[in-house]
């Protein structure tokens, strides 16, 4: 038994993003990768974030801000990114708290497949 996945699907973490984070199940869609990347921020897994970042745009390393507590994810728009697609766009709004103050990160993210697996390419802040 595990707690609900922070990505917002309502599924238990060990049936949703947990297997993606441990590398046993790849994300089948761009949206699933977006959700699993959000969950990686929540659970503090920078290794997963770097591993699922496109090789042409990923940083050599990533340090997460420990003062930010991620509190919710809303998917606003999805274009492409399905099971048979090679590219996709996901717009999301992620809520957080830092020093007791609420905040929002809203971004339109691009995803592409590399070697048959989805990767985050880049994003533009939209809000």
C-alpha atoms as a PDB file:
ATOM      1  CA  UNK A   1       0.000   0.000   0.000  1.00  0.00           C
ATOM      2  CA  UNK A   2       1.270   3.483  -0.793  1.00  0.00           C
ATOM      3  CA  UNK A   3       0.050   7.042  -0.656  1.00  0.00           C
ATOM      4  CA  UNK A   4      -1.569   8.756  -3.609  1.00  0.00           C
ATOM      5  CA  UNK A   5       0.730   9.857  -6.362  1.00  0.00           C
ATOM      6  CA  UNK A   6       1.452  13.588  -6.237  1.00  0.00           C
ATOM      7  CA  UNK A   7       0.899  13.889 -10.011  1.00  0.00           C
ATOM      8  CA  UNK A   8      -2.863  14.124  -9.546  1.00  0.00           C
ATOM      9  CA  UNK A   9      -4.113  10.941 -11.213  1.00  0.00           C
ATOM     10  CA  UNK A  10      -5.538   9.626  -7.952  1.00  0.00           C
ATOM     11  CA  UNK A  11      -3.575   6.381  -8.286  1.00  0.00           C
ATOM     12  CA  UNK A  12      -1.190   5.115  -5.610  1.00  0.00           C
ATOM     13  CA  UNK A  13       2.387   6.350  -6.133  1.00  0.00           C
ATOM     14  CA  UNK A  14       3.721   2.789  -6.472  1.00  0.00           C
ATOM     15  CA  UNK A  15       1.249   2.130  -9.332  1.00  0.00           C
ATOM     16  CA  UNK A  16       1.726   5.480 -11.073  1.00  0.00           C
ATOM     17  CA  UNK A  17       4.940   7.529 -11.035  1.00  0.00           C
ATOM     18  CA  UNK A  18       6.915   5.252  -8.699  1.00  0.00           C
ATOM     19  CA  UNK A  19       7.685   2.671 -11.419  1.00  0.00           C
ATOM     20  CA  UNK A  20       8.689   5.497 -13.775  1.00  0.00           C
ATOM     21  CA  UNK A  21      11.025   6.958 -11.157  1.00  0.00           C
ATOM     22  CA  UNK A  22      12.721   3.625 -10.508  1.00  0.00           C
ATOM     23  CA  UNK A  23      13.127   2.992 -14.246  1.00  0.00           C
ATOM     24  CA  UNK A  24      10.921  -0.087 -14.543  1.00  0.00           C
ATOM     25  CA  UNK A  25       8.136   1.511 -16.621  1.00  0.00           C
ATOM     26  CA  UNK A  26       8.702   4.338 -19.129  1.00  0.00           C
ATOM     27  CA  UNK A  27       6.117   7.089 -19.537  1.00  0.00           C
ATOM     28  CA  UNK A  28       3.789   6.080 -22.405  1.00  0.00           C
ATOM     29  CA  UNK A  29       2.794   9.664 -23.321  1.00  0.00           C
ATOM     30  CA  UNK A  30       4.141  13.196 -23.060  1.00  0.00           C
ATOM     31  CA  UNK A  31       1.512  13.988 -20.418  1.00  0.00           C
ATOM     32  CA  UNK A  32       2.534  10.953 -18.359  1.00  0.00           C
ATOM     33  CA  UNK A  33       6.146  12.116 -18.512  1.00  0.00           C
ATOM     34  CA  UNK A  34       5.102  15.625 -17.451  1.00  0.00           C
ATOM     35  CA  UNK A  35       3.205  14.191 -14.501  1.00  0.00           C
ATOM     36  CA  UNK A  36       6.119  11.943 -13.507  1.00  0.00           C
ATOM     37  CA  UNK A  37       8.551  14.855 -13.717  1.00  0.00           C
ATOM     38  CA  UNK A  38       6.300  16.936 -11.458  1.00  0.00           C
ATOM     39  CA  UNK A  39       6.189  14.015  -9.006  1.00  0.00           C
ATOM     40  CA  UNK A  40       9.994  13.839  -9.124  1.00  0.00           C
ATOM     41  CA  UNK A  41      10.112  17.455  -7.915  1.00  0.00           C
ATOM     42  CA  UNK A  42       7.675  16.565  -5.113  1.00  0.00           C
ATOM     43  CA  UNK A  43       9.626  13.509  -3.921  1.00  0.00           C
ATOM     44  CA  UNK A  44      13.058  15.114  -4.499  1.00  0.00           C
ATOM     45  CA  UNK A  45      14.421  12.962  -7.336  1.00  0.00           C
ATOM     46  CA  UNK A  46      16.758  15.145  -9.447  1.00  0.00           C
ATOM     47  CA  UNK A  47      18.311  12.048 -11.065  1.00  0.00           C
ATOM     48  CA  UNK A  48      15.009  11.211 -12.743  1.00  0.00           C
ATOM     49  CA  UNK A  49      14.605  14.795 -13.934  1.00  0.00           C
ATOM     50  CA  UNK A  50      18.050  14.788 -15.546  1.00  0.00           C
ATOM     51  CA  UNK A  51      17.530  11.311 -17.044  1.00  0.00           C
ATOM     52  CA  UNK A  52      14.250  12.349 -18.698  1.00  0.00           C
ATOM     53  CA  UNK A  53      15.613  15.664 -20.020  1.00  0.00           C
ATOM     54  CA  UNK A  54      16.490  15.691 -23.735  1.00  0.00           C
ATOM     55  CA  UNK A  55      20.262  15.182 -24.206  1.00  0.00           C
ATOM     56  CA  UNK A  56      20.548  18.360 -26.317  1.00  0.00           C
ATOM     57  CA  UNK A  57      19.054  20.651 -23.654  1.00  0.00           C
ATOM     58  CA  UNK A  58      19.622  18.989 -20.270  1.00  0.00           C
ATOM     59  CA  UNK A  59      21.966  20.479 -17.702  1.00  0.00           C
ATOM     60  CA  UNK A  60      24.921  18.372 -16.526  1.00  0.00           C
ATOM     61  CA  UNK A  61      23.386  18.263 -13.030  1.00  0.00           C
ATOM     62  CA  UNK A  62      20.386  19.600 -11.181  1.00  0.00           C
ATOM     63  CA  UNK A  63      19.936  20.778  -7.606  1.00  0.00           C
ATOM     64  CA  UNK A  64      16.410  21.065  -6.307  1.00  0.00           C
ATOM     65  CA  UNK A  65      15.393  24.013  -4.132  1.00  0.00           C
ATOM     66  CA  UNK A  66      14.660  22.398  -0.773  1.00  0.00           C
ATOM     67  CA  UNK A  67      12.679  25.445   0.363  1.00  0.00           C
ATOM     68  CA  UNK A  68       9.948  24.830  -2.219  1.00  0.00           C
ATOM     69  CA  UNK A  69       7.132  22.426  -1.337  1.00  0.00           C
ATOM     70  CA  UNK A  70       5.116  21.476  -4.422  1.00  0.00           C
ATOM     71  CA  UNK A  71       1.404  21.303  -3.623  1.00  0.00           C
ATOM     72  CA  UNK A  72      -0.534  20.564  -6.820  1.00  0.00           C
ATOM     73  CA  UNK A  73      -0.504  20.034 -10.563  1.00  0.00           C
ATOM     74  CA  UNK A  74      -3.098  21.057 -13.135  1.00  0.00           C
ATOM     75  CA  UNK A  75      -2.758  20.028 -16.767  1.00  0.00           C
ATOM     76  CA  UNK A  76      -4.161  22.906 -18.842  1.00  0.00           C
ATOM     77  CA  UNK A  77      -3.600  21.714 -22.418  1.00  0.00           C
ATOM     78  CA  UNK A  78      -2.141  18.738 -24.271  1.00  0.00           C
ATOM     79  CA  UNK A  79      -1.248  18.714 -27.957  1.00  0.00           C
ATOM     80  CA  UNK A  80       0.073  15.523 -29.524  1.00  0.00           C
ATOM     81  CA  UNK A  81       2.272  13.397 -27.330  1.00  0.00           C
ATOM     82  CA  UNK A  82       0.184  10.233 -27.610  1.00  0.00           C
ATOM     83  CA  UNK A  83       1.318   6.639 -27.717  1.00  0.00           C
ATOM     84  CA  UNK A  84       2.294   6.740 -31.410  1.00  0.00           C
ATOM     85  CA  UNK A  85       3.421  10.381 -31.576  1.00  0.00           C
ATOM     86  CA  UNK A  86       7.026  11.561 -31.695  1.00  0.00           C
ATOM     87  CA  UNK A  87       6.399  15.050 -30.250  1.00  0.00           C
ATOM     88  CA  UNK A  88       4.006  16.656 -27.838  1.00  0.00           C
ATOM     89  CA  UNK A  89       3.253  19.816 -25.901  1.00  0.00           C
ATOM     90  CA  UNK A  90       1.851  19.954 -22.380  1.00  0.00           C
ATOM     91  CA  UNK A  91       0.837  23.166 -20.659  1.00  0.00           C
ATOM     92  CA  UNK A  92       0.618  22.907 -16.884  1.00  0.00           C
ATOM     93  CA  UNK A  93       0.246  24.916 -13.721  1.00  0.00           C
ATOM     94  CA  UNK A  94       2.171  23.716 -10.671  1.00  0.00           C
ATOM     95  CA  UNK A  95       1.397  25.179  -7.257  1.00  0.00           C
ATOM     96  CA  UNK A  96       3.960  25.475  -4.508  1.00  0.00           C
ATOM     97  CA  UNK A  97       4.742  27.094  -1.183  1.00  0.00           C
ATOM     98  CA  UNK A  98       8.008  28.770  -0.289  1.00  0.00           C
ATOM     99  CA  UNK A  99       8.563  30.353   3.115  1.00  0.00           C
ATOM    100  CA  UNK A 100       4.839  29.963   3.753  1.00  0.00           C
ATOM    101  CA  UNK A 101       3.900  31.921   0.642  1.00  0.00           C
ATOM    102  CA  UNK A 102       1.950  30.383  -2.234  1.00  0.00           C
ATOM    103  CA  UNK A 103       3.351  30.429  -5.747  1.00  0.00           C
ATOM    104  CA  UNK A 104       2.552  29.168  -9.221  1.00  0.00           C
ATOM    105  CA  UNK A 105       4.727  27.940 -12.061  1.00  0.00           C
ATOM    106  CA  UNK A 106       2.890  27.824 -15.358  1.00  0.00           C
ATOM    107  CA  UNK A 107       4.714  26.508 -18.408  1.00  0.00           C
ATOM    108  CA  UNK A 108       4.141  25.222 -21.909  1.00  0.00           C
ATOM    109  CA  UNK A 109       6.589  22.312 -22.205  1.00  0.00           C
ATOM    110  CA  UNK A 110       7.750  20.509 -25.340  1.00  0.00           C
ATOM    111  CA  UNK A 111       8.463  16.787 -25.315  1.00  0.00           C
ATOM    112  CA  UNK A 112      10.027  14.497 -27.885  1.00  0.00           C
ATOM    113  CA  UNK A 113      10.959  10.846 -28.107  1.00  0.00           C
ATOM    114  CA  UNK A 114      14.585   9.732 -28.014  1.00  0.00           C
ATOM    115  CA  UNK A 115      15.214   6.024 -28.510  1.00  0.00           C
ATOM    116  CA  UNK A 116      11.483   5.361 -28.158  1.00  0.00           C
ATOM    117  CA  UNK A 117      11.209   7.142 -24.775  1.00  0.00           C
ATOM    118  CA  UNK A 118       9.690  10.512 -23.996  1.00  0.00           C
ATOM    119  CA  UNK A 119      12.014  13.344 -22.932  1.00  0.00           C
ATOM    120  CA  UNK A 120      11.428  16.907 -21.822  1.00  0.00           C
ATOM    121  CA  UNK A 121      12.911  19.207 -24.478  1.00  0.00           C
ATOM    122  CA  UNK A 122      12.214  22.715 -23.180  1.00  0.00           C
ATOM    123  CA  UNK A 123       9.505  25.012 -21.927  1.00  0.00           C
ATOM    124  CA  UNK A 124       8.276  28.572 -21.932  1.00  0.00           C
ATOM    125  CA  UNK A 125       6.676  30.242 -18.914  1.00  0.00           C
ATOM    126  CA  UNK A 126       3.086  31.190 -19.717  1.00  0.00           C
ATOM    127  CA  UNK A 127       1.800  32.621 -16.484  1.00  0.00           C
END
